[in-house]
Amino acid sequence: MDKDFLTIEELSEYLGIKRSTLYQRVGRREIPFYRFGRLIRFKKADIDLWMEAFRNEAIDLDHVGGNLIRGLKRRAVDVGGIAKKNIEEVADLKYTPQCGKPDQIRSLRREVKNGTL
């Protein structure tokens, strides 16, 4: 006879999870449970549905990689242009300890653009 309700010990064995982890999840209400006074019980059907939320589908890396490569072949990617643009953006954001922010001159306390007054 299959039991509809499981104890912490039975659920721990069923899921392969430590009892302490189950108690934590009950305390945070992350797992469906029933409380009968001080007793905590879990309905097997509810647990099976709850576990389905954690299911991850396997992916075919060959298929995904092939689609990625085909997509790159269709459009030309200017890697040098992308790198140059990112370097230019980062160059304006560099920090120098003697001057503070790159858009200020410390002694004048005035904002400047590109280091010019």
PDB file of N, CA and C in Angstrom:
ATOM      1  N   MET A   1       0.834  -1.179   0.000  1.00  0.00           N
ATOM      2  CA  MET A   1       0.000   0.000   0.000  1.00  0.00           C
ATOM      3  C   MET A   1       0.878   1.243   0.000  1.00  0.00           C
ATOM      4  N   ASP A   2       0.712   2.104  -0.992  1.00  0.00           N
ATOM      5  CA  ASP A   2       1.459   3.354  -1.041  1.00  0.00           C
ATOM      6  C   ASP A   2       0.804   4.356  -0.105  1.00  0.00           C
ATOM      7  N   LYS A   3       1.680   5.073   0.592  1.00  0.00           N
ATOM      8  CA  LYS A   3       1.183   6.102   1.502  1.00  0.00           C
ATOM      9  C   LYS A   3       1.033   7.403   0.741  1.00  0.00           C
ATOM     10  N   ASP A   4      -0.044   8.144   1.023  1.00  0.00           N
ATOM     11  CA  ASP A   4      -0.246   9.449   0.406  1.00  0.00           C
ATOM     12  C   ASP A   4       0.619  10.510   1.076  1.00  0.00           C
ATOM     13  N   PHE A   5       0.808  10.386   2.388  1.00  0.00           N
ATOM     14  CA  PHE A   5       1.581  11.376   3.132  1.00  0.00           C
ATOM     15  C   PHE A   5       2.895  10.783   3.593  1.00  0.00           C
ATOM     16  N   LEU A   6       3.946  11.595   3.505  1.00  0.00           N
ATOM     17  CA  LEU A   6       5.285  11.145   3.895  1.00  0.00           C
ATOM     18  C   LEU A   6       5.779  11.958   5.082  1.00  0.00           C
ATOM     19  N   THR A   7       6.587  11.311   5.930  1.00  0.00           N
ATOM     20  CA  THR A   7       7.232  12.021   7.031  1.00  0.00           C
ATOM     21  C   THR A   7       8.508  12.684   6.502  1.00  0.00           C
ATOM     22  N   ILE A   8       9.140  13.463   7.360  1.00  0.00           N
ATOM     23  CA  ILE A   8      10.408  14.110   6.984  1.00  0.00           C
ATOM     24  C   ILE A   8      11.438  13.054   6.602  1.00  0.00           C
ATOM     25  N   GLU A   9      11.529  11.979   7.391  1.00  0.00           N
ATOM     26  CA  GLU A   9      12.511  10.932   7.123  1.00  0.00           C
ATOM     27  C   GLU A   9      12.238  10.252   5.779  1.00  0.00           C
ATOM     28  N   GLU A  10      10.975   9.936   5.532  1.00  0.00           N
ATOM     29  CA  GLU A  10      10.617   9.276   4.274  1.00  0.00           C
ATOM     30  C   GLU A  10      10.860  10.191   3.075  1.00  0.00           C
ATOM     31  N   LEU A  11      10.528  11.475   3.205  1.00  0.00           N
ATOM     32  CA  LEU A  11      10.760  12.411   2.113  1.00  0.00           C
ATOM     33  C   LEU A  11      12.250  12.636   1.891  1.00  0.00           C
ATOM     34  N   SER A  12      12.999  12.662   2.961  1.00  0.00           N
ATOM     35  CA  SER A  12      14.453  12.811   2.855  1.00  0.00           C
ATOM     36  C   SER A  12      15.048  11.664   2.044  1.00  0.00           C
ATOM     37  N   GLU A  13      14.602  10.472   2.308  1.00  0.00           N
ATOM     38  CA  GLU A  13      15.076   9.305   1.565  1.00  0.00           C
ATOM     39  C   GLU A  13      14.565   9.322   0.126  1.00  0.00           C
ATOM     40  N   TYR A  14      13.307   9.732  -0.058  1.00  0.00           N
ATOM     41  CA  TYR A  14      12.697   9.771  -1.389  1.00  0.00           C
ATOM     42  C   TYR A  14      13.417  10.753  -2.310  1.00  0.00           C
ATOM     43  N   LEU A  15      13.761  11.945  -1.781  1.00  0.00           N
ATOM     44  CA  LEU A  15      14.410  12.978  -2.585  1.00  0.00           C
ATOM     45  C   LEU A  15      15.940  12.931  -2.538  1.00  0.00           C
ATOM     46  N   GLY A  16      16.476  12.238  -1.544  1.00  0.00           N
ATOM     47  CA  GLY A  16      17.927  12.211  -1.381  1.00  0.00           C
ATOM     48  C   GLY A  16      18.454  13.528  -0.837  1.00  0.00           C
ATOM     49  N   ILE A  17      17.676  14.158   0.012  1.00  0.00           N
ATOM     50  CA  ILE A  17      18.031  15.437   0.628  1.00  0.00           C
ATOM     51  C   ILE A  17      18.133  15.234   2.133  1.00  0.00           C
ATOM     52  N   LYS A  18      19.035  15.954   2.778  1.00  0.00           N
ATOM     53  CA  LYS A  18      19.174  15.862   4.227  1.00  0.00           C
ATOM     54  C   LYS A  18      17.900  16.341   4.916  1.00  0.00           C
ATOM     55  N   ARG A  19      17.654  15.785   6.075  1.00  0.00           N
ATOM     56  CA  ARG A  19      16.480  16.200   6.855  1.00  0.00           C
ATOM     57  C   ARG A  19      16.574  17.669   7.240  1.00  0.00           C
ATOM     58  N   SER A  20      17.774  18.122   7.585  1.00  0.00           N
ATOM     59  CA  SER A  20      17.946  19.514   7.998  1.00  0.00           C
ATOM     60  C   SER A  20      17.593  20.470   6.856  1.00  0.00           C
ATOM     61  N   THR A  21      17.908  20.084   5.631  1.00  0.00           N
ATOM     62  CA  THR A  21      17.560  20.908   4.473  1.00  0.00           C
ATOM     63  C   THR A  21      16.049  20.983   4.313  1.00  0.00           C
ATOM     64  N   LEU A  22      15.370  19.864   4.525  1.00  0.00           N
ATOM     65  CA  LEU A  22      13.907  19.861   4.433  1.00  0.00           C
ATOM     66  C   LEU A  22      13.295  20.736   5.517  1.00  0.00           C
ATOM     67  N   TYR A  23      13.822  20.668   6.733  1.00  0.00           N
ATOM     68  CA  TYR A  23      13.314  21.520   7.810  1.00  0.00           C
ATOM     69  C   TYR A  23      13.504  22.996   7.464  1.00  0.00           C
ATOM     70  N   GLN A  24      14.652  23.349   6.866  1.00  0.00           N
ATOM     71  CA  GLN A  24      14.891  24.736   6.461  1.00  0.00           C
ATOM     72  C   GLN A  24      13.876  25.167   5.408  1.00  0.00           C
ATOM     73  N   ARG A  25      13.623  24.315   4.436  1.00  0.00           N
ATOM     74  CA  ARG A  25      12.670  24.651   3.372  1.00  0.00           C
ATOM     75  C   ARG A  25      11.253  24.779   3.915  1.00  0.00           C
ATOM     76  N   VAL A  26      10.906  23.966   4.894  1.00  0.00           N
ATOM     77  CA  VAL A  26       9.594  24.089   5.528  1.00  0.00           C
ATOM     78  C   VAL A  26       9.524  25.420   6.260  1.00  0.00           C
ATOM     79  N   GLY A  27      10.587  25.771   6.985  1.00  0.00           N
ATOM     80  CA  GLY A  27      10.611  27.032   7.726  1.00  0.00           C
ATOM     81  C   GLY A  27      10.493  28.244   6.819  1.00  0.00           C
ATOM     82  N   ARG A  28      11.067  28.170   5.636  1.00  0.00           N
ATOM     83  CA  ARG A  28      10.990  29.274   4.667  1.00  0.00           C
ATOM     84  C   ARG A  28       9.794  29.129   3.732  1.00  0.00           C
ATOM     85  N   ARG A  29       8.995  28.087   3.948  1.00  0.00           N
ATOM     86  CA  ARG A  29       7.805  27.789   3.138  1.00  0.00           C
ATOM     87  C   ARG A  29       8.146  27.672   1.656  1.00  0.00           C
ATOM     88  N   GLU A  30       9.226  26.980   1.362  1.00  0.00           N
ATOM     89  CA  GLU A  30       9.661  26.747  -0.011  1.00  0.00           C
ATOM     90  C   GLU A  30       9.168  25.420  -0.562  1.00  0.00           C
ATOM     91  N   ILE A  31       8.607  24.604   0.281  1.00  0.00           N
ATOM     92  CA  ILE A  31       8.164  23.278  -0.118  1.00  0.00           C
ATOM     93  C   ILE A  31       6.739  23.077   0.395  1.00  0.00           C
ATOM     94  N   PRO A  32       5.856  22.447  -0.389  1.00  0.00           N
ATOM     95  CA  PRO A  32       4.482  22.248   0.086  1.00  0.00           C
ATOM     96  C   PRO A  32       4.441  21.207   1.214  1.00  0.00           C
ATOM     97  N   PHE A  33       3.755  21.564   2.291  1.00  0.00           N
ATOM     98  CA  PHE A  33       3.675  20.650   3.429  1.00  0.00           C
ATOM     99  C   PHE A  33       2.348  20.841   4.148  1.00  0.00           C
ATOM    100  N   TYR A  34       2.039  19.886   5.013  1.00  0.00           N
ATOM    101  CA  TYR A  34       0.854  19.937   5.857  1.00  0.00           C
ATOM    102  C   TYR A  34       1.319  19.840   7.290  1.00  0.00           C
ATOM    103  N   ARG A  35       0.665  20.603   8.178  1.00  0.00           N
ATOM    104  CA  ARG A  35       1.012  20.551   9.596  1.00  0.00           C
ATOM    105  C   ARG A  35      -0.202  20.067  10.371  1.00  0.00           C
ATOM    106  N   PHE A  36       0.004  18.994  11.106  1.00  0.00           N
ATOM    107  CA  PHE A  36      -1.021  18.434  11.989  1.00  0.00           C
ATOM    108  C   PHE A  36      -0.503  18.598  13.407  1.00  0.00           C
ATOM    109  N   GLY A  37      -0.856  19.722  14.012  1.00  0.00           N
ATOM    110  CA  GLY A  37      -0.291  20.007  15.328  1.00  0.00           C
ATOM    111  C   GLY A  37       1.193  20.277  15.167  1.00  0.00           C
ATOM    112  N   ARG A  38       2.023  19.427  15.789  1.00  0.00           N
ATOM    113  CA  ARG A  38       3.467  19.565  15.662  1.00  0.00           C
ATOM    114  C   ARG A  38       4.030  18.682  14.552  1.00  0.00           C
ATOM    115  N   LEU A  39       3.192  17.828  13.970  1.00  0.00           N
ATOM    116  CA  LEU A  39       3.657  16.913  12.944  1.00  0.00           C
ATOM    117  C   LEU A  39       3.666  17.590  11.571  1.00  0.00           C
ATOM    118  N   ILE A  40       4.726  17.344  10.817  1.00  0.00           N
ATOM    119  CA  ILE A  40       4.834  17.865   9.465  1.00  0.00           C
ATOM    120  C   ILE A  40       4.743  16.686   8.512  1.00  0.00           C
ATOM    121  N   ARG A  41       3.844  16.799   7.537  1.00  0.00           N
ATOM    122  CA  ARG A  41       3.679  15.738   6.552  1.00  0.00           C
ATOM    123  C   ARG A  41       3.694  16.344   5.154  1.00  0.00           C
ATOM    124  N   PHE A  42       4.071  15.524   4.197  1.00  0.00           N
ATOM    125  CA  PHE A  42       4.175  15.949   2.806  1.00  0.00           C
ATOM    126  C   PHE A  42       3.345  15.008   1.952  1.00  0.00           C
ATOM    127  N   LYS A  43       2.531  15.568   1.085  1.00  0.00           N
ATOM    128  CA  LYS A  43       1.738  14.759   0.170  1.00  0.00           C
ATOM    129  C   LYS A  43       2.618  14.436  -1.038  1.00  0.00           C
ATOM    130  N   LYS A  44       2.750  13.163  -1.352  1.00  0.00           N
ATOM    131  CA  LYS A  44       3.656  12.720  -2.407  1.00  0.00           C
ATOM    132  C   LYS A  44       3.310  13.358  -3.754  1.00  0.00           C
ATOM    133  N   ALA A  45       2.045  13.488  -4.078  1.00  0.00           N
ATOM    134  CA  ALA A  45       1.638  14.096  -5.346  1.00  0.00           C
ATOM    135  C   ALA A  45       2.063  15.562  -5.406  1.00  0.00           C
ATOM    136  N   ASP A  46       1.927  16.291  -4.282  1.00  0.00           N
ATOM    137  CA  ASP A  46       2.343  17.699  -4.236  1.00  0.00           C
ATOM    138  C   ASP A  46       3.848  17.825  -4.414  1.00  0.00           C
ATOM    139  N   ILE A  47       4.593  16.920  -3.808  1.00  0.00           N
ATOM    140  CA  ILE A  47       6.059  16.959  -3.912  1.00  0.00           C
ATOM    141  C   ILE A  47       6.495  16.676  -5.342  1.00  0.00           C
ATOM    142  N   ASP A  48       5.838  15.728  -5.990  1.00  0.00           N
ATOM    143  CA  ASP A  48       6.182  15.424  -7.386  1.00  0.00           C
ATOM    144  C   ASP A  48       5.936  16.624  -8.292  1.00  0.00           C
ATOM    145  N   LEU A  49       4.809  17.328  -8.091  1.00  0.00           N
ATOM    146  CA  LEU A  49       4.526  18.538  -8.869  1.00  0.00           C
ATOM    147  C   LEU A  49       5.538  19.640  -8.563  1.00  0.00           C
ATOM    148  N   TRP A  50       5.887  19.785  -7.296  1.00  0.00           N
ATOM    149  CA  TRP A  50       6.867  20.794  -6.871  1.00  0.00           C
ATOM    150  C   TRP A  50       8.225  20.517  -7.509  1.00  0.00           C
ATOM    151  N   MET A  51       8.608  19.267  -7.584  1.00  0.00           N
ATOM    152  CA  MET A  51       9.899  18.901  -8.170  1.00  0.00           C
ATOM    153  C   MET A  51       9.926  19.188  -9.670  1.00  0.00           C
ATOM    154  N   GLU A  52       8.796  19.119 -10.349  1.00  0.00           N
ATOM    155  CA  GLU A  52       8.754  19.415 -11.781  1.00  0.00           C
ATOM    156  C   GLU A  52       9.205  20.843 -12.078  1.00  0.00           C
ATOM    157  N   ALA A  53       9.034  21.758 -11.119  1.00  0.00           N
ATOM    158  CA  ALA A  53       9.460  23.146 -11.314  1.00  0.00           C
ATOM    159  C   ALA A  53      10.979  23.251 -11.414  1.00  0.00           C
ATOM    160  N   PHE A  54      11.701  22.276 -10.893  1.00  0.00           N
ATOM    161  CA  PHE A  54      13.163  22.300 -10.908  1.00  0.00           C
ATOM    162  C   PHE A  54      13.751  21.545 -12.101  1.00  0.00           C
ATOM    163  N   ARG A  55      12.892  21.062 -12.971  1.00  0.00           N
ATOM    164  CA  ARG A  55      13.353  20.264 -14.108  1.00  0.00           C
ATOM    165  C   ARG A  55      14.030  21.156 -15.145  1.00  0.00           C
ATOM    166  N   ASN A  56      15.172  20.724 -15.639  1.00  0.00           N
ATOM    167  CA  ASN A  56      15.890  21.413 -16.693  1.00  0.00           C
ATOM    168  C   ASN A  56      15.962  20.513 -17.908  1.00  0.00           C
ATOM    169  N   GLU A  57      15.700  21.091 -19.055  1.00  0.00           N
ATOM    170  CA  GLU A  57      15.763  20.336 -20.299  1.00  0.00           C
ATOM    171  C   GLU A  57      17.215  20.243 -20.765  1.00  0.00           C
ATOM    172  N   ALA A  58      17.566  19.113 -21.299  1.00  0.00           N
ATOM    173  CA  ALA A  58      18.899  18.941 -21.871  1.00  0.00           C
ATOM    174  C   ALA A  58      18.940  19.638 -23.222  1.00  0.00           C
ATOM    175  N   ILE A  59      20.103  20.201 -23.554  1.00  0.00           N
ATOM    176  CA  ILE A  59      20.237  20.866 -24.843  1.00  0.00           C
ATOM    177  C   ILE A  59      21.262  20.127 -25.677  1.00  0.00           C
ATOM    178  N   ASP A  60      21.082  20.203 -26.976  1.00  0.00           N
ATOM    179  CA  ASP A  60      22.011  19.594 -27.907  1.00  0.00           C
ATOM    180  C   ASP A  60      23.046  20.647 -28.296  1.00  0.00           C
ATOM    181  N   LEU A  61      24.240  20.543 -27.741  1.00  0.00           N
ATOM    182  CA  LEU A  61      25.275  21.545 -27.970  1.00  0.00           C
ATOM    183  C   LEU A  61      25.689  21.623 -29.431  1.00  0.00           C
ATOM    184  N   ASP A  62      25.686  20.501 -30.121  1.00  0.00           N
ATOM    185  CA  ASP A  62      26.033  20.524 -31.547  1.00  0.00           C
ATOM    186  C   ASP A  62      25.022  21.361 -32.327  1.00  0.00           C
ATOM    187  N   HIS A  63      23.759  21.201 -32.008  1.00  0.00           N
ATOM    188  CA  HIS A  63      22.707  21.948 -32.693  1.00  0.00           C
ATOM    189  C   HIS A  63      22.812  23.446 -32.379  1.00  0.00           C
ATOM    190  N   VAL A  64      22.979  23.792 -31.114  1.00  0.00           N
ATOM    191  CA  VAL A  64      23.076  25.197 -30.715  1.00  0.00           C
ATOM    192  C   VAL A  64      24.329  25.830 -31.294  1.00  0.00           C
ATOM    193  N   GLY A  65      25.446  25.134 -31.232  1.00  0.00           N
ATOM    194  CA  GLY A  65      26.697  25.656 -31.791  1.00  0.00           C
ATOM    195  C   GLY A  65      26.605  25.841 -33.289  1.00  0.00           C
ATOM    196  N   GLY A  66      25.988  24.911 -33.979  1.00  0.00           N
ATOM    197  CA  GLY A  66      25.819  25.019 -35.429  1.00  0.00           C
ATOM    198  C   GLY A  66      24.974  26.230 -35.799  1.00  0.00           C
ATOM    199  N   ASN A  67      23.894  26.467 -35.050  1.00  0.00           N
ATOM    200  CA  ASN A  67      23.056  27.643 -35.311  1.00  0.00           C
ATOM    201  C   ASN A  67      23.826  28.928 -35.063  1.00  0.00           C
ATOM    202  N   LEU A  68      24.638  28.946 -34.035  1.00  0.00           N
ATOM    203  CA  LEU A  68      25.435  30.133 -33.732  1.00  0.00           C
ATOM    204  C   LEU A  68      26.436  30.417 -34.846  1.00  0.00           C
ATOM    205  N   ILE A  69      27.113  29.393 -35.304  1.00  0.00           N
ATOM    206  CA  ILE A  69      28.101  29.570 -36.372  1.00  0.00           C
ATOM    207  C   ILE A  69      27.418  29.995 -37.666  1.00  0.00           C
ATOM    208  N   ARG A  70      26.268  29.395 -37.983  1.00  0.00           N
ATOM    209  CA  ARG A  70      25.546  29.794 -39.195  1.00  0.00           C
ATOM    210  C   ARG A  70      25.106  31.249 -39.100  1.00  0.00           C
ATOM    211  N   GLY A  71      24.690  31.680 -37.941  1.00  0.00           N
ATOM    212  CA  GLY A  71      24.282  33.072 -37.755  1.00  0.00           C
ATOM    213  C   GLY A  71      25.444  34.031 -37.936  1.00  0.00           C
ATOM    214  N   LEU A  72      26.625  33.630 -37.483  1.00  0.00           N
ATOM    215  CA  LEU A  72      27.800  34.485 -37.648  1.00  0.00           C
ATOM    216  C   LEU A  72      28.235  34.562 -39.104  1.00  0.00           C
ATOM    217  N   LYS A  73      28.031  33.491 -39.842  1.00  0.00           N
ATOM    218  CA  LYS A  73      28.426  33.489 -41.251  1.00  0.00           C
ATOM    219  C   LYS A  73      27.524  34.407 -42.064  1.00  0.00           C
ATOM    220  N   ARG A  74      26.266  34.540 -41.650  1.00  0.00           N
ATOM    221  CA  ARG A  74      25.317  35.364 -42.388  1.00  0.00           C
ATOM    222  C   ARG A  74      25.636  36.851 -42.294  1.00  0.00           C
ATOM    223  N   ARG A  75      26.114  37.275 -41.147  1.00  0.00           N
ATOM    224  CA  ARG A  75      26.424  38.696 -40.988  1.00  0.00           C
ATOM    225  C   ARG A  75      27.879  38.847 -40.587  1.00  0.00           C
ATOM    226  N   ALA A  76      28.513  39.811 -41.167  1.00  0.00           N
ATOM    227  CA  ALA A  76      29.920  40.063 -40.871  1.00  0.00           C
ATOM    228  C   ALA A  76      30.016  40.767 -39.519  1.00  0.00           C
ATOM    229  N   VAL A  77      30.864  40.263 -38.665  1.00  0.00           N
ATOM    230  CA  VAL A  77      31.057  40.842 -37.353  1.00  0.00           C
ATOM    231  C   VAL A  77      32.398  41.559 -37.355  1.00  0.00           C
ATOM    232  N   ASP A  78      32.373  42.855 -37.073  1.00  0.00           N
ATOM    233  CA  ASP A  78      33.588  43.655 -37.017  1.00  0.00           C
ATOM    234  C   ASP A  78      34.111  43.633 -35.581  1.00  0.00           C
ATOM    235  N   VAL A  79      34.886  42.604 -35.256  1.00  0.00           N
ATOM    236  CA  VAL A  79      35.397  42.435 -33.902  1.00  0.00           C
ATOM    237  C   VAL A  79      36.334  43.584 -33.551  1.00  0.00           C
ATOM    238  N   GLY A  80      37.163  44.001 -34.508  1.00  0.00           N
ATOM    239  CA  GLY A  80      38.087  45.105 -34.256  1.00  0.00           C
ATOM    240  C   GLY A  80      37.356  46.391 -33.932  1.00  0.00           C
ATOM    241  N   GLY A  81      36.270  46.656 -34.648  1.00  0.00           N
ATOM    242  CA  GLY A  81      35.483  47.859 -34.389  1.00  0.00           C
ATOM    243  C   GLY A  81      34.814  47.826 -33.026  1.00  0.00           C
ATOM    244  N   ILE A  82      34.310  46.667 -32.651  1.00  0.00           N
ATOM    245  CA  ILE A  82      33.668  46.516 -31.339  1.00  0.00           C
ATOM    246  C   ILE A  82      34.696  46.726 -30.234  1.00  0.00           C
ATOM    247  N   ALA A  83      35.871  46.122 -30.386  1.00  0.00           N
ATOM    248  CA  ALA A  83      36.917  46.266 -29.379  1.00  0.00           C
ATOM    249  C   ALA A  83      37.364  47.719 -29.273  1.00  0.00           C
ATOM    250  N   LYS A  84      37.558  48.404 -30.399  1.00  0.00           N
ATOM    251  CA  LYS A  84      38.009  49.795 -30.396  1.00  0.00           C
ATOM    252  C   LYS A  84      36.985  50.686 -29.693  1.00  0.00           C
ATOM    253  N   LYS A  85      35.705  50.476 -29.979  1.00  0.00           N
ATOM    254  CA  LYS A  85      34.643  51.265 -29.354  1.00  0.00           C
ATOM    255  C   LYS A  85      34.642  51.075 -27.840  1.00  0.00           C
ATOM    256  N   ASN A  86      34.791  49.823 -27.389  1.00  0.00           N
ATOM    257  CA  ASN A  86      34.805  49.544 -25.951  1.00  0.00           C
ATOM    258  C   ASN A  86      36.033  50.139 -25.278  1.00  0.00           C
ATOM    259  N   ILE A  87      37.170  50.100 -25.941  1.00  0.00           N
ATOM    260  CA  ILE A  87      38.392  50.675 -25.367  1.00  0.00           C
ATOM    261  C   ILE A  87      38.239  52.182 -25.227  1.00  0.00           C
ATOM    262  N   GLU A  88      37.650  52.836 -26.226  1.00  0.00           N
ATOM    263  CA  GLU A  88      37.445  54.284 -26.150  1.00  0.00           C
ATOM    264  C   GLU A  88      36.512  54.647 -25.001  1.00  0.00           C
ATOM    265  N   GLU A  89      35.468  53.859 -24.798  1.00  0.00           N
ATOM    266  CA  GLU A  89      34.538  54.129 -23.706  1.00  0.00           C
ATOM    267  C   GLU A  89      35.203  53.954 -22.348  1.00  0.00           C
ATOM    268  N   VAL A  90      36.026  52.945 -22.213  1.00  0.00           N
ATOM    269  CA  VAL A  90      36.677  52.665 -20.937  1.00  0.00           C
ATOM    270  C   VAL A  90      37.797  53.666 -20.666  1.00  0.00           C
ATOM    271  N   ALA A  91      38.452  54.165 -21.706  1.00  0.00           N
ATOM    272  CA  ALA A  91      39.562  55.099 -21.521  1.00  0.00           C
ATOM    273  C   ALA A  91      39.100  56.364 -20.805  1.00  0.00           C
ATOM    274  N   ASP A  92      37.888  56.813 -21.040  1.00  0.00           N
ATOM    275  CA  ASP A  92      37.374  58.006 -20.373  1.00  0.00           C
ATOM    276  C   ASP A  92      37.003  57.750 -18.918  1.00  0.00           C
ATOM    277  N   LEU A  93      36.885  56.497 -18.525  1.00  0.00           N
ATOM    278  CA  LEU A  93      36.446  56.165 -17.174  1.00  0.00           C
ATOM    279  C   LEU A  93      37.582  55.803 -16.230  1.00  0.00           C
ATOM    280  N   LYS A  94      38.824  55.872 -16.682  1.00  0.00           N
ATOM    281  CA  LYS A  94      39.912  55.426 -15.816  1.00  0.00           C
ATOM    282  C   LYS A  94      40.083  56.359 -14.633  1.00  0.00           C
ATOM    283  N   TYR A  95      40.539  55.828 -13.551  1.00  0.00           N
ATOM    284  CA  TYR A  95      40.710  56.550 -12.303  1.00  0.00           C
ATOM    285  C   TYR A  95      42.194  56.712 -12.025  1.00  0.00           C
ATOM    286  N   THR A  96      42.584  57.919 -11.712  1.00  0.00           N
ATOM    287  CA  THR A  96      43.965  58.165 -11.304  1.00  0.00           C
ATOM    288  C   THR A  96      43.940  58.722  -9.895  1.00  0.00           C
ATOM    289  N   PRO A  97      44.673  58.131  -8.956  1.00  0.00           N
ATOM    290  CA  PRO A  97      44.582  58.557  -7.561  1.00  0.00           C
ATOM    291  C   PRO A  97      45.028  60.003  -7.335  1.00  0.00           C
ATOM    292  N   GLN A  98      45.976  60.502  -8.117  1.00  0.00           N
ATOM    293  CA  GLN A  98      46.443  61.863  -7.883  1.00  0.00           C
ATOM    294  C   GLN A  98      45.447  62.912  -8.379  1.00  0.00           C
ATOM    295  N   CYS A  99      44.597  62.580  -9.321  1.00  0.00           N
ATOM    296  CA  CYS A  99      43.664  63.555  -9.885  1.00  0.00           C
ATOM    297  C   CYS A  99      42.219  63.282  -9.513  1.00  0.00           C
ATOM    298  N   GLY A 100      41.925  62.176  -8.912  1.00  0.00           N
ATOM    299  CA  GLY A 100      40.535  61.845  -8.604  1.00  0.00           C
ATOM    300  C   GLY A 100      39.823  61.363  -9.842  1.00  0.00           C
ATOM    301  N   LYS A 101      38.621  61.849 -10.060  1.00  0.00           N
ATOM    302  CA  LYS A 101      37.868  61.455 -11.238  1.00  0.00           C
ATOM    303  C   LYS A 101      38.530  62.016 -12.487  1.00  0.00           C
ATOM    304  N   PRO A 102      38.379  61.347 -13.636  1.00  0.00           N
ATOM    305  CA  PRO A 102      39.068  61.802 -14.840  1.00  0.00           C
ATOM    306  C   PRO A 102      38.561  63.131 -15.382  1.00  0.00           C
ATOM    307  N   ASP A 103      37.364  63.595 -14.948  1.00  0.00           N
ATOM    308  CA  ASP A 103      36.840  64.837 -15.492  1.00  0.00           C
ATOM    309  C   ASP A 103      37.050  66.028 -14.549  1.00  0.00           C
ATOM    310  N   GLN A 104      37.946  65.898 -13.571  1.00  0.00           N
ATOM    311  CA  GLN A 104      38.211  67.002 -12.652  1.00  0.00           C
ATOM    312  C   GLN A 104      39.716  67.197 -12.498  1.00  0.00           C
ATOM    313  N   ILE A 105      40.128  68.443 -12.343  1.00  0.00           N
ATOM    314  CA  ILE A 105      41.507  68.737 -11.980  1.00  0.00           C
ATOM    315  C   ILE A 105      41.484  69.078 -10.504  1.00  0.00           C
ATOM    316  N   ARG A 106      42.281  68.404  -9.715  1.00  0.00           N
ATOM    317  CA  ARG A 106      42.198  68.471  -8.266  1.00  0.00           C
ATOM    318  C   ARG A 106      42.437  69.883  -7.740  1.00  0.00           C
ATOM    319  N   SER A 107      43.458  70.551  -8.214  1.00  0.00           N
ATOM    320  CA  SER A 107      43.802  71.849  -7.656  1.00  0.00           C
ATOM    321  C   SER A 107      42.768  72.919  -8.009  1.00  0.00           C
ATOM    322  N   LEU A 108      42.136  72.827  -9.160  1.00  0.00           N
ATOM    323  CA  LEU A 108      41.182  73.850  -9.584  1.00  0.00           C
ATOM    324  C   LEU A 108      39.762  73.540  -9.119  1.00  0.00           C
ATOM    325  N   ARG A 109      39.468  72.278  -8.830  1.00  0.00           N
ATOM    326  CA  ARG A 109      38.141  71.821  -8.447  1.00  0.00           C
ATOM    327  C   ARG A 109      37.093  72.195  -9.491  1.00  0.00           C
ATOM    328  N   ARG A 110      37.509  72.216 -10.745  1.00  0.00           N
ATOM    329  CA  ARG A 110      36.618  72.501 -11.855  1.00  0.00           C
ATOM    330  C   ARG A 110      36.501  71.295 -12.740  1.00  0.00           C
ATOM    331  N   GLU A 111      35.342  71.112 -13.303  1.00  0.00           N
ATOM    332  CA  GLU A 111      35.187  70.013 -14.232  1.00  0.00           C
ATOM    333  C   GLU A 111      35.760  70.412 -15.579  1.00  0.00           C
ATOM    334  N   VAL A 112      36.455  69.491 -16.196  1.00  0.00           N
ATOM    335  CA  VAL A 112      37.050  69.733 -17.498  1.00  0.00           C
ATOM    336  C   VAL A 112      36.699  68.593 -18.413  1.00  0.00           C
ATOM    337  N   LYS A 113      36.820  68.818 -19.699  1.00  0.00           N
ATOM    338  CA  LYS A 113      36.523  67.781 -20.667  1.00  0.00           C
ATOM    339  C   LYS A 113      37.832  67.334 -21.307  1.00  0.00           C
ATOM    340  N   ASN A 114      38.131  66.056 -21.258  1.00  0.00           N
ATOM    341  CA  ASN A 114      39.317  65.473 -21.858  1.00  0.00           C
ATOM    342  C   ASN A 114      40.615  66.114 -21.381  1.00  0.00           C
ATOM    343  N   GLY A 115      40.662  66.586 -20.152  1.00  0.00           N
ATOM    344  CA  GLY A 115      41.900  67.104 -19.582  1.00  0.00           C
ATOM    345  C   GLY A 115      42.258  68.515 -20.005  1.00  0.00           C
ATOM    346  N   THR A 116      41.377  69.216 -20.721  1.00  0.00           N
ATOM    347  CA  THR A 116      41.665  70.588 -21.143  1.00  0.00           C
ATOM    348  C   THR A 116      40.838  71.553 -20.305  1.00  0.00           C
ATOM    349  N   LEU A 117      41.346  72.784 -20.168  1.00  0.00           N
ATOM    350  CA  LEU A 117      40.616  73.795 -19.380  1.00  0.00           C
ATOM    351  C   LEU A 117      39.630  74.537 -20.208  1.00  0.00           C
TER     352      LEU A 117
END
